[in-house]
Amino acid sequence: MDIPNILVGFLDIVKYVIFAHFIMSWLITFGVLNVYQPIVGQIWGILQRLLEPIYGPIRSVLPNIGGMDLSPLVALFAVIILQGFLSGL
């Protein structure tokens, strides 16, 4: 296995974590999940700590769109583009 294939595999995992965070945030917003439940709160905290270093710089560049956070979408597109680039190597 070479380095680009390992990075593509790692980016696959990152992509699934971003997607899980995105879905979980919607479920929390609509009251399906409650962050005060111990398991949900722990999973949510872990996802927040993992992804905030990625989302933070993106949020500082994006304009404010009335409470809608587009940083997960931008991060997901960036991961997909990076995977495409690495697959071409």
N, C-alpha and C. Protein backbone atom coordinates (compact mmCIF):
# COMPACT_ATOMS: atom_id res chain seq x y z
N MET A 1 0.84 -1.20 0.00
CA MET A 1 0.00 0.00 0.00
C MET A 1 0.87 1.25 0.00
N ASP A 2 0.49 2.20 -0.81
CA ASP A 2 1.25 3.44 -0.84
C ASP A 2 0.51 4.54 -0.09
N ILE A 3 1.20 5.63 0.12
CA ILE A 3 0.70 6.73 0.95
C ILE A 3 -0.62 7.32 0.42
N PRO A 4 -0.77 7.60 -0.88
CA PRO A 4 -2.06 8.17 -1.33
C PRO A 4 -3.25 7.27 -1.03
N ASN A 5 -3.09 5.95 -1.16
CA ASN A 5 -4.20 5.04 -0.86
C ASN A 5 -4.55 5.05 0.63
N ILE A 6 -3.55 5.15 1.48
CA ILE A 6 -3.79 5.23 2.92
C ILE A 6 -4.53 6.52 3.24
N LEU A 7 -4.13 7.63 2.62
CA LEU A 7 -4.79 8.92 2.85
C LEU A 7 -6.23 8.91 2.34
N VAL A 8 -6.47 8.26 1.21
CA VAL A 8 -7.83 8.16 0.68
C VAL A 8 -8.71 7.37 1.66
N GLY A 9 -8.17 6.29 2.22
CA GLY A 9 -8.91 5.52 3.22
C GLY A 9 -9.20 6.34 4.46
N PHE A 10 -8.22 7.11 4.93
CA PHE A 10 -8.42 7.98 6.08
C PHE A 10 -9.48 9.04 5.78
N LEU A 11 -9.45 9.61 4.58
CA LEU A 11 -10.44 10.61 4.21
C LEU A 11 -11.84 10.01 4.10
N ASP A 12 -11.93 8.72 3.75
CA ASP A 12 -13.23 8.04 3.79
C ASP A 12 -13.81 8.06 5.19
N ILE A 13 -12.96 7.77 6.17
CA ILE A 13 -13.40 7.78 7.57
C ILE A 13 -13.83 9.20 7.97
N VAL A 14 -13.05 10.19 7.58
CA VAL A 14 -13.39 11.59 7.89
C VAL A 14 -14.73 11.95 7.26
N LYS A 15 -14.95 11.50 6.05
CA LYS A 15 -16.20 11.78 5.34
C LYS A 15 -17.39 11.20 6.12
N TYR A 16 -17.27 9.97 6.60
CA TYR A 16 -18.35 9.35 7.36
C TYR A 16 -18.57 10.04 8.71
N VAL A 17 -17.51 10.50 9.33
CA VAL A 17 -17.65 11.22 10.61
C VAL A 17 -18.36 12.55 10.39
N ILE A 18 -18.01 13.27 9.33
CA ILE A 18 -18.69 14.53 9.01
C ILE A 18 -20.16 14.27 8.73
N PHE A 19 -20.44 13.23 7.97
CA PHE A 19 -21.83 12.90 7.64
C PHE A 19 -22.61 12.54 8.91
N ALA A 20 -22.01 11.76 9.80
CA ALA A 20 -22.67 11.38 11.06
C ALA A 20 -22.95 12.62 11.91
N HIS A 21 -21.99 13.54 11.96
CA HIS A 21 -22.16 14.78 12.72
C HIS A 21 -23.30 15.62 12.14
N PHE A 22 -23.35 15.68 10.83
CA PHE A 22 -24.39 16.44 10.14
C PHE A 22 -25.78 15.87 10.46
N ILE A 23 -25.93 14.56 10.33
CA ILE A 23 -27.21 13.91 10.61
C ILE A 23 -27.59 14.08 12.09
N MET A 24 -26.61 13.88 12.96
CA MET A 24 -26.89 13.99 14.39
C MET A 24 -27.30 15.41 14.76
N SER A 25 -26.69 16.41 14.14
CA SER A 25 -27.06 17.79 14.45
C SER A 25 -28.51 18.07 14.05
N TRP A 26 -28.94 17.52 12.92
CA TRP A 26 -30.34 17.69 12.52
C TRP A 26 -31.28 16.97 13.48
N LEU A 27 -30.91 15.76 13.91
CA LEU A 27 -31.75 15.02 14.84
C LEU A 27 -31.86 15.73 16.19
N ILE A 28 -30.78 16.37 16.61
CA ILE A 28 -30.80 17.14 17.85
C ILE A 28 -31.65 18.39 17.67
N THR A 29 -31.51 19.06 16.54
CA THR A 29 -32.26 20.28 16.27
C THR A 29 -33.77 20.01 16.28
N PHE A 30 -34.19 18.89 15.71
CA PHE A 30 -35.62 18.58 15.62
C PHE A 30 -36.15 17.79 16.82
N GLY A 31 -35.32 17.65 17.85
CA GLY A 31 -35.78 17.04 19.09
C GLY A 31 -35.87 15.53 19.09
N VAL A 32 -35.35 14.89 18.07
CA VAL A 32 -35.37 13.43 18.03
C VAL A 32 -34.35 12.87 19.02
N LEU A 33 -33.19 13.52 19.10
CA LEU A 33 -32.16 13.14 20.07
C LEU A 33 -32.03 14.23 21.11
N ASN A 34 -31.66 13.84 22.31
CA ASN A 34 -31.49 14.77 23.41
C ASN A 34 -30.05 14.66 23.92
N VAL A 35 -29.32 15.76 23.87
CA VAL A 35 -27.91 15.73 24.28
C VAL A 35 -27.74 15.52 25.78
N TYR A 36 -28.83 15.58 26.55
CA TYR A 36 -28.73 15.33 27.98
C TYR A 36 -28.78 13.84 28.31
N GLN A 37 -29.07 13.01 27.30
CA GLN A 37 -28.94 11.57 27.50
C GLN A 37 -27.45 11.25 27.47
N PRO A 38 -26.97 10.41 28.39
CA PRO A 38 -25.52 10.20 28.52
C PRO A 38 -24.82 9.74 27.24
N ILE A 39 -25.36 8.76 26.55
CA ILE A 39 -24.70 8.23 25.35
C ILE A 39 -24.71 9.27 24.24
N VAL A 40 -25.85 9.90 24.03
CA VAL A 40 -25.96 10.92 22.98
C VAL A 40 -25.02 12.08 23.28
N GLY A 41 -24.97 12.51 24.53
CA GLY A 41 -24.08 13.61 24.92
C GLY A 41 -22.62 13.28 24.71
N GLN A 42 -22.23 12.04 25.02
CA GLN A 42 -20.84 11.63 24.83
C GLN A 42 -20.48 11.57 23.35
N ILE A 43 -21.35 10.98 22.55
CA ILE A 43 -21.08 10.90 21.11
C ILE A 43 -21.01 12.29 20.51
N TRP A 44 -21.95 13.15 20.90
CA TRP A 44 -21.98 14.52 20.37
C TRP A 44 -20.71 15.28 20.76
N GLY A 45 -20.27 15.13 22.01
CA GLY A 45 -19.04 15.79 22.46
C GLY A 45 -17.81 15.32 21.71
N ILE A 46 -17.73 14.02 21.47
CA ILE A 46 -16.59 13.47 20.71
C ILE A 46 -16.59 14.01 19.29
N LEU A 47 -17.75 14.00 18.65
CA LEU A 47 -17.82 14.52 17.27
C LEU A 47 -17.48 16.01 17.22
N GLN A 48 -17.96 16.77 18.21
CA GLN A 48 -17.64 18.20 18.25
C GLN A 48 -16.13 18.42 18.39
N ARG A 49 -15.50 17.67 19.30
CA ARG A 49 -14.05 17.84 19.51
C ARG A 49 -13.24 17.40 18.29
N LEU A 50 -13.70 16.38 17.59
CA LEU A 50 -12.98 15.91 16.41
C LEU A 50 -13.10 16.89 15.24
N LEU A 51 -14.27 17.47 15.08
CA LEU A 51 -14.53 18.24 13.86
C LEU A 51 -14.37 19.75 14.01
N GLU A 52 -14.35 20.26 15.22
CA GLU A 52 -14.21 21.71 15.39
C GLU A 52 -12.91 22.25 14.80
N PRO A 53 -11.77 21.52 14.88
CA PRO A 53 -10.56 22.05 14.22
C PRO A 53 -10.70 22.16 12.70
N ILE A 54 -11.60 21.39 12.12
CA ILE A 54 -11.85 21.48 10.67
C ILE A 54 -12.86 22.59 10.40
N TYR A 55 -13.93 22.64 11.18
CA TYR A 55 -15.01 23.60 10.94
C TYR A 55 -14.62 25.03 11.30
N GLY A 56 -13.81 25.21 12.33
CA GLY A 56 -13.47 26.55 12.80
C GLY A 56 -12.90 27.46 11.73
N PRO A 57 -11.82 27.04 11.04
CA PRO A 57 -11.27 27.90 9.98
C PRO A 57 -12.25 28.14 8.83
N ILE A 58 -13.08 27.15 8.54
CA ILE A 58 -14.07 27.33 7.46
C ILE A 58 -15.11 28.36 7.88
N ARG A 59 -15.56 28.29 9.13
CA ARG A 59 -16.55 29.27 9.63
C ARG A 59 -16.02 30.69 9.61
N SER A 60 -14.71 30.84 9.84
CA SER A 60 -14.15 32.20 9.86
C SER A 60 -14.11 32.82 8.46
N VAL A 61 -14.16 31.99 7.42
CA VAL A 61 -14.11 32.48 6.05
C VAL A 61 -15.52 32.66 5.47
N LEU A 62 -16.44 31.77 5.83
CA LEU A 62 -17.80 31.83 5.28
C LEU A 62 -18.57 33.02 5.84
N PRO A 63 -19.43 33.61 5.01
CA PRO A 63 -20.28 34.69 5.53
C PRO A 63 -21.39 34.11 6.41
N ASN A 64 -21.93 34.93 7.31
CA ASN A 64 -23.03 34.51 8.17
C ASN A 64 -24.31 34.43 7.35
N ILE A 65 -24.95 33.25 7.38
CA ILE A 65 -26.15 33.04 6.58
C ILE A 65 -27.35 32.80 7.50
N GLY A 66 -27.58 33.68 8.42
CA GLY A 66 -28.76 33.63 9.27
C GLY A 66 -28.91 32.38 10.11
N GLY A 67 -27.87 31.96 10.79
CA GLY A 67 -27.97 30.82 11.68
C GLY A 67 -27.73 29.47 11.03
N MET A 68 -27.56 29.45 9.74
CA MET A 68 -27.31 28.18 9.05
C MET A 68 -25.80 27.98 8.93
N ASP A 69 -25.32 26.84 9.41
CA ASP A 69 -23.90 26.54 9.40
C ASP A 69 -23.57 25.68 8.18
N LEU A 70 -22.87 26.25 7.23
CA LEU A 70 -22.51 25.53 6.01
C LEU A 70 -21.12 24.91 6.07
N SER A 71 -20.43 25.06 7.20
CA SER A 71 -19.06 24.53 7.28
C SER A 71 -18.99 23.02 7.13
N PRO A 72 -19.95 22.21 7.61
CA PRO A 72 -19.86 20.77 7.35
C PRO A 72 -19.96 20.44 5.86
N LEU A 73 -20.80 21.17 5.16
CA LEU A 73 -20.95 20.94 3.72
C LEU A 73 -19.67 21.29 2.97
N VAL A 74 -19.08 22.42 3.32
CA VAL A 74 -17.82 22.84 2.69
C VAL A 74 -16.71 21.84 3.01
N ALA A 75 -16.65 21.39 4.26
CA ALA A 75 -15.63 20.41 4.66
C ALA A 75 -15.83 19.10 3.90
N LEU A 76 -17.07 18.67 3.74
CA LEU A 76 -17.34 17.43 3.01
C LEU A 76 -16.93 17.56 1.55
N PHE A 77 -17.23 18.68 0.92
CA PHE A 77 -16.80 18.89 -0.46
C PHE A 77 -15.28 18.93 -0.57
N ALA A 78 -14.62 19.55 0.40
CA ALA A 78 -13.16 19.61 0.37
C ALA A 78 -12.56 18.21 0.50
N VAL A 79 -13.14 17.38 1.35
CA VAL A 79 -12.64 16.00 1.51
C VAL A 79 -12.84 15.23 0.21
N ILE A 80 -13.98 15.39 -0.43
CA ILE A 80 -14.26 14.68 -1.69
C ILE A 80 -13.29 15.13 -2.78
N ILE A 81 -13.03 16.42 -2.87
CA ILE A 81 -12.09 16.94 -3.86
C ILE A 81 -10.68 16.43 -3.58
N LEU A 82 -10.27 16.44 -2.32
CA LEU A 82 -8.96 15.93 -1.95
C LEU A 82 -8.83 14.44 -2.26
N GLN A 83 -9.88 13.69 -2.03
CA GLN A 83 -9.86 12.27 -2.36
C GLN A 83 -9.71 12.07 -3.86
N GLY A 84 -10.39 12.85 -4.64
CA GLY A 84 -10.27 12.75 -6.10
C GLY A 84 -8.87 13.07 -6.56
N PHE A 85 -8.28 14.08 -5.95
CA PHE A 85 -6.90 14.43 -6.31
C PHE A 85 -5.93 13.31 -5.95
N LEU A 86 -6.08 12.75 -4.74
CA LEU A 86 -5.19 11.69 -4.29
C LEU A 86 -5.38 10.39 -5.07
N SER A 87 -6.61 10.14 -5.52
CA SER A 87 -6.86 8.94 -6.31
C SER A 87 -6.19 9.02 -7.67
N GLY A 88 -6.01 10.25 -8.16
CA GLY A 88 -5.36 10.43 -9.46
C GLY A 88 -3.84 10.26 -9.40
N LEU A 89 -3.27 10.21 -8.22
CA LEU A 89 -1.82 10.06 -8.09
C LEU A 89 -1.37 8.65 -8.34
